[in-house]
Amino acid sequence: MGRGRAKAKQTKVARRLKYHTPEMDLDSLQRELAGKAPTSHSDDYDEYDDDPYAQYAHYNDAYDDWDDEGEANARQA
């Protein structure tokens, strides 16, 4: 239940967007677009930015010697 009301609202919004032309203030749009210079983030790029696990890399370094100690103890036994 309740799907009819949601669908009716979506239909109403879709019709309004399709048939009604909103008034645009092109002067304010031009001011907004002209006021901001394009920013370049190329110098801020880090090769690990795209890696979702980069924030956990320090754990690998901190606990890396545990594997070596475990293997050495296993060989002695």
C-alpha atoms as a PDB file:
ATOM      1  CA  MET A   1       0.000   0.000   0.000  1.00  0.00           C
ATOM      2  CA  GLY A   2       1.083   3.557  -0.546  1.00  0.00           C
ATOM      3  CA  ARG A   3       2.711   2.918  -3.901  1.00  0.00           C
ATOM      4  CA  GLY A   4      -0.053   4.788  -5.735  1.00  0.00           C
ATOM      5  CA  ARG A   5       0.608   8.034  -3.907  1.00  0.00           C
ATOM      6  CA  ALA A   6       4.362   7.884  -4.562  1.00  0.00           C
ATOM      7  CA  LYS A   7       3.820   7.053  -8.218  1.00  0.00           C
ATOM      8  CA  ALA A   8       1.334   9.905  -8.604  1.00  0.00           C
ATOM      9  CA  LYS A   9       3.840  12.336  -7.135  1.00  0.00           C
ATOM     10  CA  GLN A  10       6.584  11.088  -9.465  1.00  0.00           C
ATOM     11  CA  THR A  11       4.246  11.453 -12.434  1.00  0.00           C
ATOM     12  CA  LYS A  12       3.339  14.984 -11.360  1.00  0.00           C
ATOM     13  CA  VAL A  13       6.998  15.979 -11.055  1.00  0.00           C
ATOM     14  CA  ALA A  14       7.843  14.363 -14.393  1.00  0.00           C
ATOM     15  CA  ARG A  15       5.039  16.233 -16.160  1.00  0.00           C
ATOM     16  CA  ARG A  16       6.103  19.515 -14.583  1.00  0.00           C
ATOM     17  CA  LEU A  17       9.686  19.006 -15.766  1.00  0.00           C
ATOM     18  CA  LYS A  18       8.576  17.942 -19.234  1.00  0.00           C
ATOM     19  CA  TYR A  19       6.055  20.676 -19.984  1.00  0.00           C
ATOM     20  CA  HIS A  20       7.006  23.615 -17.776  1.00  0.00           C
ATOM     21  CA  THR A  21       9.972  25.742 -18.736  1.00  0.00           C
ATOM     22  CA  PRO A  22      11.525  27.244 -15.633  1.00  0.00           C
ATOM     23  CA  GLU A  23      12.717  30.820 -15.741  1.00  0.00           C
ATOM     24  CA  MET A  24      16.478  31.045 -15.914  1.00  0.00           C
ATOM     25  CA  ASP A  25      18.544  33.968 -14.783  1.00  0.00           C
ATOM     26  CA  LEU A  26      21.311  33.677 -17.351  1.00  0.00           C
ATOM     27  CA  ASP A  27      23.089  36.788 -16.090  1.00  0.00           C
ATOM     28  CA  SER A  28      23.568  35.320 -12.626  1.00  0.00           C
ATOM     29  CA  LEU A  29      24.656  32.025 -14.176  1.00  0.00           C
ATOM     30  CA  GLN A  30      27.254  33.831 -16.267  1.00  0.00           C
ATOM     31  CA  ARG A  31      28.525  35.711 -13.198  1.00  0.00           C
ATOM     32  CA  GLU A  32      28.762  32.489 -11.246  1.00  0.00           C
ATOM     33  CA  LEU A  33      30.650  30.670 -13.973  1.00  0.00           C
ATOM     34  CA  ALA A  34      32.967  33.574 -14.778  1.00  0.00           C
ATOM     35  CA  GLY A  35      33.811  34.268 -11.143  1.00  0.00           C
ATOM     36  CA  LYS A  36      35.535  30.969 -10.498  1.00  0.00           C
ATOM     37  CA  ALA A  37      38.810  30.050 -12.139  1.00  0.00           C
ATOM     38  CA  PRO A  38      39.361  26.410 -12.984  1.00  0.00           C
ATOM     39  CA  THR A  39      41.403  24.670 -10.341  1.00  0.00           C
ATOM     40  CA  SER A  40      44.141  22.249 -11.186  1.00  0.00           C
ATOM     41  CA  HIS A  41      44.568  19.333  -8.838  1.00  0.00           C
ATOM     42  CA  SER A  42      47.328  17.665 -10.814  1.00  0.00           C
ATOM     43  CA  ASP A  43      50.041  18.775  -8.397  1.00  0.00           C
ATOM     44  CA  ASP A  44      48.022  17.387  -5.466  1.00  0.00           C
ATOM     45  CA  TYR A  45      47.738  13.950  -7.065  1.00  0.00           C
ATOM     46  CA  ASP A  46      49.062  11.064  -5.058  1.00  0.00           C
ATOM     47  CA  GLU A  47      49.557   7.694  -6.694  1.00  0.00           C
ATOM     48  CA  TYR A  48      47.721   6.054  -3.785  1.00  0.00           C
ATOM     49  CA  ASP A  49      44.610   8.232  -4.007  1.00  0.00           C
ATOM     50  CA  ASP A  50      42.818   5.656  -6.150  1.00  0.00           C
ATOM     51  CA  ASP A  51      43.764   2.748  -3.866  1.00  0.00           C
ATOM     52  CA  PRO A  52      41.025   2.134  -1.300  1.00  0.00           C
ATOM     53  CA  TYR A  53      43.475   0.187   0.903  1.00  0.00           C
ATOM     54  CA  ALA A  54      46.266   2.789   0.941  1.00  0.00           C
ATOM     55  CA  GLN A  55      45.237   4.000   4.376  1.00  0.00           C
ATOM     56  CA  TYR A  56      46.051   0.536   5.765  1.00  0.00           C
ATOM     57  CA  ALA A  57      49.547   0.269   4.260  1.00  0.00           C
ATOM     58  CA  HIS A  58      51.242   1.255   7.508  1.00  0.00           C
ATOM     59  CA  TYR A  59      49.785  -1.863   9.176  1.00  0.00           C
ATOM     60  CA  ASN A  60      51.591  -4.011   6.651  1.00  0.00           C
ATOM     61  CA  ASP A  61      54.902  -2.369   7.504  1.00  0.00           C
ATOM     62  CA  ALA A  62      54.332  -2.565  11.260  1.00  0.00           C
ATOM     63  CA  TYR A  63      53.415  -6.254  11.336  1.00  0.00           C
ATOM     64  CA  ASP A  64      55.598  -7.504   8.502  1.00  0.00           C
ATOM     65  CA  ASP A  65      58.267  -8.839  10.871  1.00  0.00           C
ATOM     66  CA  TRP A  66      55.690 -11.032  12.644  1.00  0.00           C
ATOM     67  CA  ASP A  67      55.557 -13.331   9.620  1.00  0.00           C
ATOM     68  CA  ASP A  68      59.331 -13.698   9.615  1.00  0.00           C
ATOM     69  CA  GLU A  69      59.449 -14.534  13.340  1.00  0.00           C
ATOM     70  CA  GLY A  70      56.655 -17.088  12.954  1.00  0.00           C
ATOM     71  CA  GLU A  71      58.458 -18.881  10.148  1.00  0.00           C
ATOM     72  CA  ALA A  72      61.709 -18.954  12.119  1.00  0.00           C
ATOM     73  CA  ASN A  73      59.960 -20.455  15.162  1.00  0.00           C
ATOM     74  CA  ALA A  74      58.220 -23.053  12.989  1.00  0.00           C
ATOM     75  CA  ARG A  75      61.549 -24.180  11.495  1.00  0.00           C
ATOM     76  CA  GLN A  76      63.144 -24.610  14.930  1.00  0.00           C
ATOM     77  CA  ALA A  77      60.345 -26.850  16.206  1.00  0.00           C
END
